[in-house]
Amino acid sequence: METVKDHMKAVKETVSEAVNNYSKKVKESEEERLEKKRAKELEEQGYSPEEAKEEVQEKKRAKEIKESLEGAVDTAADTAKAVGDQAAKTAAHAERVLQEETDAIANENTHKNETSDQQSN
């Protein structure tokens, strides 16, 4: 029974990988089609074929840089949030420890005062 489960898991992973690869290829060919279309439009506007291709590539690089920067900003925001959350937890813990210490000192002083009052009476 275990080998059947292992086999089914392997099949699922293989199919998932194949679907992901196919999706990636479809996306890439759609992007290539759009790039060719954009280059053709630029050529119709008076760009040379080389200029049009270069313009399309520059736009593609700019888009990749923008997406990369957006990812970096998202990562930085997530990190900042995690640091803030941890700082809040640390502050709350420190506050609890300080309160416990303060209570312990107050109890100790109360006990000393009671002992001192009993001895003086």
N, C-alpha and C. Protein backbone atom coordinates (compact mmCIF):
# COMPACT_ATOMS: atom_id res chain seq x y z
N MET A 1 0.83 -1.20 0.00
CA MET A 1 0.00 0.00 0.00
C MET A 1 0.87 1.25 0.00
N GLU A 2 1.96 1.20 0.74
CA GLU A 2 2.86 2.35 0.84
C GLU A 2 3.48 2.67 -0.52
N THR A 3 3.83 1.66 -1.28
CA THR A 3 4.43 1.91 -2.60
C THR A 3 3.42 2.54 -3.54
N VAL A 4 2.15 2.20 -3.40
CA VAL A 4 1.12 2.82 -4.23
C VAL A 4 1.02 4.30 -3.89
N LYS A 5 1.03 4.62 -2.62
CA LYS A 5 0.98 6.03 -2.20
C LYS A 5 2.20 6.79 -2.71
N ASP A 6 3.37 6.17 -2.59
CA ASP A 6 4.60 6.80 -3.08
C ASP A 6 4.53 7.03 -4.57
N HIS A 7 4.02 6.01 -5.28
CA HIS A 7 3.90 6.11 -6.74
C HIS A 7 2.93 7.24 -7.12
N MET A 8 1.79 7.30 -6.44
CA MET A 8 0.80 8.34 -6.73
C MET A 8 1.37 9.73 -6.43
N LYS A 9 2.13 9.82 -5.37
CA LYS A 9 2.75 11.10 -5.03
C LYS A 9 3.73 11.51 -6.12
N ALA A 10 4.53 10.56 -6.60
CA ALA A 10 5.50 10.85 -7.66
C ALA A 10 4.77 11.26 -8.95
N VAL A 11 3.68 10.57 -9.27
CA VAL A 11 2.90 10.92 -10.46
C VAL A 11 2.34 12.33 -10.33
N LYS A 12 1.80 12.63 -9.16
CA LYS A 12 1.24 13.97 -8.92
C LYS A 12 2.30 15.04 -9.09
N GLU A 13 3.49 14.81 -8.54
CA GLU A 13 4.58 15.78 -8.67
C GLU A 13 5.01 15.95 -10.12
N THR A 14 5.07 14.83 -10.86
CA THR A 14 5.46 14.88 -12.27
C THR A 14 4.44 15.66 -13.08
N VAL A 15 3.17 15.38 -12.85
CA VAL A 15 2.11 16.08 -13.58
C VAL A 15 2.13 17.57 -13.23
N SER A 16 2.30 17.87 -11.96
CA SER A 16 2.35 19.27 -11.53
C SER A 16 3.51 20.00 -12.20
N GLU A 17 4.66 19.36 -12.24
CA GLU A 17 5.82 19.96 -12.89
C GLU A 17 5.57 20.17 -14.38
N ALA A 18 4.95 19.19 -15.03
CA ALA A 18 4.66 19.31 -16.46
C ALA A 18 3.69 20.46 -16.72
N VAL A 19 2.68 20.59 -15.88
CA VAL A 19 1.70 21.68 -16.04
C VAL A 19 2.39 23.02 -15.85
N ASN A 20 3.25 23.12 -14.84
CA ASN A 20 3.98 24.37 -14.59
C ASN A 20 4.88 24.72 -15.77
N ASN A 21 5.58 23.73 -16.30
CA ASN A 21 6.45 23.97 -17.45
C ASN A 21 5.64 24.41 -18.66
N TYR A 22 4.51 23.77 -18.90
CA TYR A 22 3.66 24.14 -20.03
C TYR A 22 3.15 25.57 -19.87
N SER A 23 2.69 25.90 -18.67
CA SER A 23 2.20 27.25 -18.40
C SER A 23 3.28 28.28 -18.64
N LYS A 24 4.49 27.96 -18.21
CA LYS A 24 5.62 28.87 -18.41
C LYS A 24 5.90 29.07 -19.89
N LYS A 25 5.88 27.98 -20.67
CA LYS A 25 6.12 28.08 -22.11
C LYS A 25 5.03 28.88 -22.81
N VAL A 26 3.79 28.68 -22.39
CA VAL A 26 2.67 29.44 -22.98
C VAL A 26 2.86 30.93 -22.69
N LYS A 27 3.20 31.25 -21.46
CA LYS A 27 3.42 32.65 -21.08
C LYS A 27 4.56 33.26 -21.88
N GLU A 28 5.67 32.49 -22.01
CA GLU A 28 6.82 32.99 -22.76
C GLU A 28 6.46 33.22 -24.23
N SER A 29 5.72 32.29 -24.83
CA SER A 29 5.38 32.50 -26.24
C SER A 29 4.39 33.64 -26.41
N GLU A 30 3.52 33.86 -25.44
CA GLU A 30 2.61 35.01 -25.49
C GLU A 30 3.41 36.30 -25.39
N GLU A 31 4.41 36.32 -24.50
CA GLU A 31 5.26 37.50 -24.37
C GLU A 31 6.04 37.75 -25.67
N GLU A 32 6.55 36.70 -26.28
CA GLU A 32 7.27 36.85 -27.55
C GLU A 32 6.35 37.39 -28.64
N ARG A 33 5.11 36.89 -28.67
CA ARG A 33 4.14 37.37 -29.67
C ARG A 33 3.87 38.85 -29.46
N LEU A 34 3.70 39.26 -28.21
CA LEU A 34 3.44 40.67 -27.92
C LEU A 34 4.66 41.54 -28.25
N GLU A 35 5.86 41.01 -28.00
CA GLU A 35 7.08 41.75 -28.34
C GLU A 35 7.18 41.96 -29.85
N LYS A 36 6.89 40.92 -30.62
CA LYS A 36 6.93 41.04 -32.08
C LYS A 36 5.89 42.04 -32.57
N LYS A 37 4.72 41.98 -31.96
CA LYS A 37 3.64 42.90 -32.34
C LYS A 37 4.06 44.35 -32.04
N ARG A 38 4.64 44.56 -30.87
CA ARG A 38 5.08 45.90 -30.48
C ARG A 38 6.20 46.40 -31.40
N ALA A 39 7.14 45.50 -31.75
CA ALA A 39 8.22 45.88 -32.66
C ALA A 39 7.65 46.27 -34.03
N LYS A 40 6.67 45.54 -34.48
CA LYS A 40 6.04 45.85 -35.78
C LYS A 40 5.36 47.22 -35.72
N GLU A 41 4.67 47.50 -34.61
CA GLU A 41 4.03 48.80 -34.44
C GLU A 41 5.06 49.92 -34.47
N LEU A 42 6.19 49.71 -33.81
CA LEU A 42 7.24 50.73 -33.79
C LEU A 42 7.82 50.93 -35.20
N GLU A 43 7.98 49.85 -35.93
CA GLU A 43 8.47 49.97 -37.30
C GLU A 43 7.50 50.78 -38.14
N GLU A 44 6.20 50.59 -37.94
CA GLU A 44 5.18 51.35 -38.66
C GLU A 44 5.23 52.83 -38.29
N GLN A 45 5.77 53.12 -37.09
CA GLN A 45 5.90 54.51 -36.65
C GLN A 45 7.21 55.13 -37.13
N GLY A 46 8.00 54.38 -37.87
CA GLY A 46 9.22 54.94 -38.43
C GLY A 46 10.51 54.43 -37.83
N TYR A 47 10.43 53.56 -36.85
CA TYR A 47 11.65 52.98 -36.27
C TYR A 47 12.24 51.97 -37.26
N SER A 48 13.55 51.87 -37.26
CA SER A 48 14.19 50.81 -38.05
C SER A 48 13.94 49.49 -37.32
N PRO A 49 14.04 48.36 -38.01
CA PRO A 49 13.83 47.08 -37.32
C PRO A 49 14.75 46.88 -36.11
N GLU A 50 16.00 47.34 -36.24
CA GLU A 50 16.93 47.21 -35.12
C GLU A 50 16.51 48.10 -33.95
N GLU A 51 16.12 49.34 -34.26
CA GLU A 51 15.68 50.27 -33.22
C GLU A 51 14.42 49.74 -32.52
N ALA A 52 13.52 49.22 -33.32
CA ALA A 52 12.27 48.69 -32.76
C ALA A 52 12.57 47.53 -31.82
N LYS A 53 13.44 46.62 -32.26
CA LYS A 53 13.79 45.47 -31.43
C LYS A 53 14.48 45.92 -30.14
N GLU A 54 15.37 46.90 -30.27
CA GLU A 54 16.08 47.42 -29.10
C GLU A 54 15.11 48.09 -28.13
N GLU A 55 14.17 48.85 -28.66
CA GLU A 55 13.17 49.53 -27.83
C GLU A 55 12.33 48.50 -27.06
N VAL A 56 11.92 47.46 -27.75
CA VAL A 56 11.12 46.41 -27.11
C VAL A 56 11.94 45.72 -26.01
N GLN A 57 13.20 45.44 -26.28
CA GLN A 57 14.06 44.80 -25.28
C GLN A 57 14.28 45.70 -24.07
N GLU A 58 14.45 47.00 -24.31
CA GLU A 58 14.61 47.95 -23.19
C GLU A 58 13.37 47.97 -22.32
N LYS A 59 12.22 47.96 -22.97
CA LYS A 59 10.96 47.96 -22.23
C LYS A 59 10.82 46.67 -21.42
N LYS A 60 11.23 45.56 -22.01
CA LYS A 60 11.18 44.27 -21.31
C LYS A 60 12.11 44.29 -20.10
N ARG A 61 13.33 44.81 -20.26
CA ARG A 61 14.27 44.90 -19.14
C ARG A 61 13.72 45.82 -18.04
N ALA A 62 13.12 46.93 -18.46
CA ALA A 62 12.55 47.85 -17.47
C ALA A 62 11.43 47.17 -16.68
N LYS A 63 10.63 46.39 -17.37
CA LYS A 63 9.54 45.67 -16.69
C LYS A 63 10.11 44.66 -15.70
N GLU A 64 11.16 43.93 -16.11
CA GLU A 64 11.78 42.95 -15.23
C GLU A 64 12.39 43.63 -14.00
N ILE A 65 13.03 44.77 -14.20
CA ILE A 65 13.62 45.52 -13.08
C ILE A 65 12.53 46.00 -12.14
N LYS A 66 11.44 46.51 -12.72
CA LYS A 66 10.33 46.99 -11.90
C LYS A 66 9.77 45.85 -11.05
N GLU A 67 9.55 44.68 -11.67
CA GLU A 67 9.01 43.54 -10.94
C GLU A 67 9.98 43.09 -9.85
N SER A 68 11.26 43.13 -10.15
CA SER A 68 12.27 42.75 -9.17
C SER A 68 12.26 43.71 -7.99
N LEU A 69 12.17 45.00 -8.30
CA LEU A 69 12.13 46.01 -7.23
C LEU A 69 10.87 45.88 -6.39
N GLU A 70 9.75 45.60 -7.05
CA GLU A 70 8.51 45.41 -6.30
C GLU A 70 8.63 44.22 -5.37
N GLY A 71 9.28 43.15 -5.85
CA GLY A 71 9.50 41.99 -4.99
C GLY A 71 10.39 42.33 -3.81
N ALA A 72 11.42 43.13 -4.07
CA ALA A 72 12.32 43.54 -3.00
C ALA A 72 11.60 44.41 -1.97
N VAL A 73 10.75 45.30 -2.45
CA VAL A 73 9.98 46.16 -1.54
C VAL A 73 9.03 45.30 -0.70
N ASP A 74 8.36 44.35 -1.34
CA ASP A 74 7.46 43.46 -0.60
C ASP A 74 8.23 42.68 0.47
N THR A 75 9.40 42.18 0.10
CA THR A 75 10.23 41.44 1.05
C THR A 75 10.65 42.34 2.21
N ALA A 76 11.06 43.56 1.89
CA ALA A 76 11.47 44.50 2.93
C ALA A 76 10.29 44.82 3.85
N ALA A 77 9.12 44.99 3.28
CA ALA A 77 7.94 45.29 4.09
C ALA A 77 7.61 44.11 5.00
N ASP A 78 7.68 42.90 4.45
CA ASP A 78 7.42 41.71 5.27
C ASP A 78 8.44 41.61 6.41
N THR A 79 9.70 41.88 6.09
CA THR A 79 10.76 41.82 7.10
C THR A 79 10.52 42.88 8.18
N ALA A 80 10.19 44.09 7.75
CA ALA A 80 9.93 45.17 8.72
C ALA A 80 8.76 44.82 9.63
N LYS A 81 7.73 44.23 9.06
CA LYS A 81 6.57 43.83 9.86
C LYS A 81 6.98 42.76 10.87
N ALA A 82 7.75 41.78 10.41
CA ALA A 82 8.20 40.72 11.32
C ALA A 82 9.06 41.28 12.43
N VAL A 83 9.95 42.22 12.10
CA VAL A 83 10.80 42.84 13.12
C VAL A 83 9.93 43.64 14.10
N GLY A 84 8.97 44.37 13.58
CA GLY A 84 8.06 45.13 14.44
C GLY A 84 7.26 44.23 15.36
N ASP A 85 6.75 43.13 14.80
CA ASP A 85 6.00 42.18 15.61
C ASP A 85 6.87 41.60 16.73
N GLN A 86 8.10 41.25 16.37
CA GLN A 86 9.01 40.68 17.37
C GLN A 86 9.37 41.73 18.43
N ALA A 87 9.56 42.97 18.00
CA ALA A 87 9.86 44.04 18.95
C ALA A 87 8.70 44.23 19.93
N ALA A 88 7.47 44.17 19.42
CA ALA A 88 6.30 44.32 20.27
C ALA A 88 6.23 43.17 21.29
N LYS A 89 6.52 41.95 20.83
CA LYS A 89 6.52 40.80 21.74
C LYS A 89 7.60 40.96 22.81
N THR A 90 8.78 41.41 22.38
CA THR A 90 9.89 41.59 23.31
C THR A 90 9.54 42.68 24.33
N ALA A 91 8.95 43.76 23.88
CA ALA A 91 8.56 44.84 24.78
C ALA A 91 7.51 44.36 25.78
N ALA A 92 6.55 43.59 25.30
CA ALA A 92 5.51 43.07 26.20
C ALA A 92 6.13 42.14 27.24
N HIS A 93 7.06 41.31 26.79
CA HIS A 93 7.74 40.40 27.73
C HIS A 93 8.54 41.20 28.76
N ALA A 94 9.27 42.20 28.30
CA ALA A 94 10.07 43.03 29.21
C ALA A 94 9.17 43.72 30.22
N GLU A 95 8.00 44.17 29.76
CA GLU A 95 7.06 44.84 30.66
C GLU A 95 6.56 43.86 31.73
N ARG A 96 6.26 42.62 31.32
CA ARG A 96 5.81 41.61 32.29
C ARG A 96 6.90 41.31 33.31
N VAL A 97 8.13 41.14 32.82
CA VAL A 97 9.25 40.85 33.73
C VAL A 97 9.46 42.01 34.70
N LEU A 98 9.41 43.24 34.20
CA LEU A 98 9.58 44.41 35.06
C LEU A 98 8.47 44.47 36.11
N GLN A 99 7.24 44.18 35.70
CA GLN A 99 6.12 44.19 36.64
C GLN A 99 6.30 43.12 37.70
N GLU A 100 6.75 41.94 37.29
CA GLU A 100 7.00 40.85 38.26
C GLU A 100 8.08 41.25 39.26
N GLU A 101 9.15 41.86 38.75
CA GLU A 101 10.24 42.30 39.62
C GLU A 101 9.75 43.38 40.59
N THR A 102 8.96 44.31 40.05
CA THR A 102 8.42 45.39 40.90
C THR A 102 7.52 44.81 41.98
N ASP A 103 6.66 43.86 41.59
CA ASP A 103 5.77 43.23 42.57
C ASP A 103 6.57 42.47 43.63
N ALA A 104 7.62 41.79 43.18
CA ALA A 104 8.45 41.02 44.13
C ALA A 104 9.12 41.95 45.13
N ILE A 105 9.63 43.08 44.65
CA ILE A 105 10.27 44.05 45.54
C ILE A 105 9.25 44.64 46.50
N ALA A 106 8.07 44.95 45.97
CA ALA A 106 7.02 45.52 46.83
C ALA A 106 6.61 44.51 47.90
N ASN A 107 6.48 43.25 47.51
CA ASN A 107 6.12 42.22 48.50
C ASN A 107 7.21 42.05 49.54
N GLU A 108 8.45 42.10 49.10
CA GLU A 108 9.59 41.98 50.02
C GLU A 108 9.60 43.15 51.00
N ASN A 109 9.37 44.36 50.50
CA ASN A 109 9.34 45.54 51.37
C ASN A 109 8.18 45.47 52.35
N THR A 110 7.03 44.99 51.88
CA THR A 110 5.87 44.86 52.76
C THR A 110 6.18 43.86 53.88
N HIS A 111 6.81 42.75 53.47
CA HIS A 111 7.17 41.73 54.46
C HIS A 111 8.17 42.30 55.48
N LYS A 112 9.16 43.07 55.01
CA LYS A 112 10.15 43.68 55.91
C LYS A 112 9.47 44.65 56.86
N ASN A 113 8.54 45.45 56.34
CA ASN A 113 7.83 46.43 57.18
C ASN A 113 7.00 45.72 58.24
N GLU A 114 6.33 44.64 57.85
CA GLU A 114 5.51 43.90 58.81
C GLU A 114 6.38 43.29 59.90
N THR A 115 7.53 42.73 59.48
CA THR A 115 8.45 42.12 60.44
C THR A 115 9.01 43.19 61.38
N SER A 116 9.36 44.32 60.84
CA SER A 116 9.92 45.42 61.63
C SER A 116 8.84 45.97 62.58
N ASP A 117 7.59 46.06 62.14
CA ASP A 117 6.51 46.54 63.01
C ASP A 117 6.28 45.55 64.16
N GLN A 118 6.35 44.27 63.88
CA GLN A 118 6.12 43.26 64.92
C GLN A 118 7.26 43.28 65.94
N GLN A 119 8.47 43.52 65.47
CA GLN A 119 9.61 43.55 66.39
C GLN A 119 9.57 44.80 67.27
N SER A 120 9.08 45.91 66.74
CA SER A 120 9.06 47.15 67.52
C SER A 120 7.91 47.17 68.52
N ASN A 121 6.90 46.35 68.28
CA ASN A 121 5.77 46.31 69.24
C ASN A 121 6.12 45.40 70.33
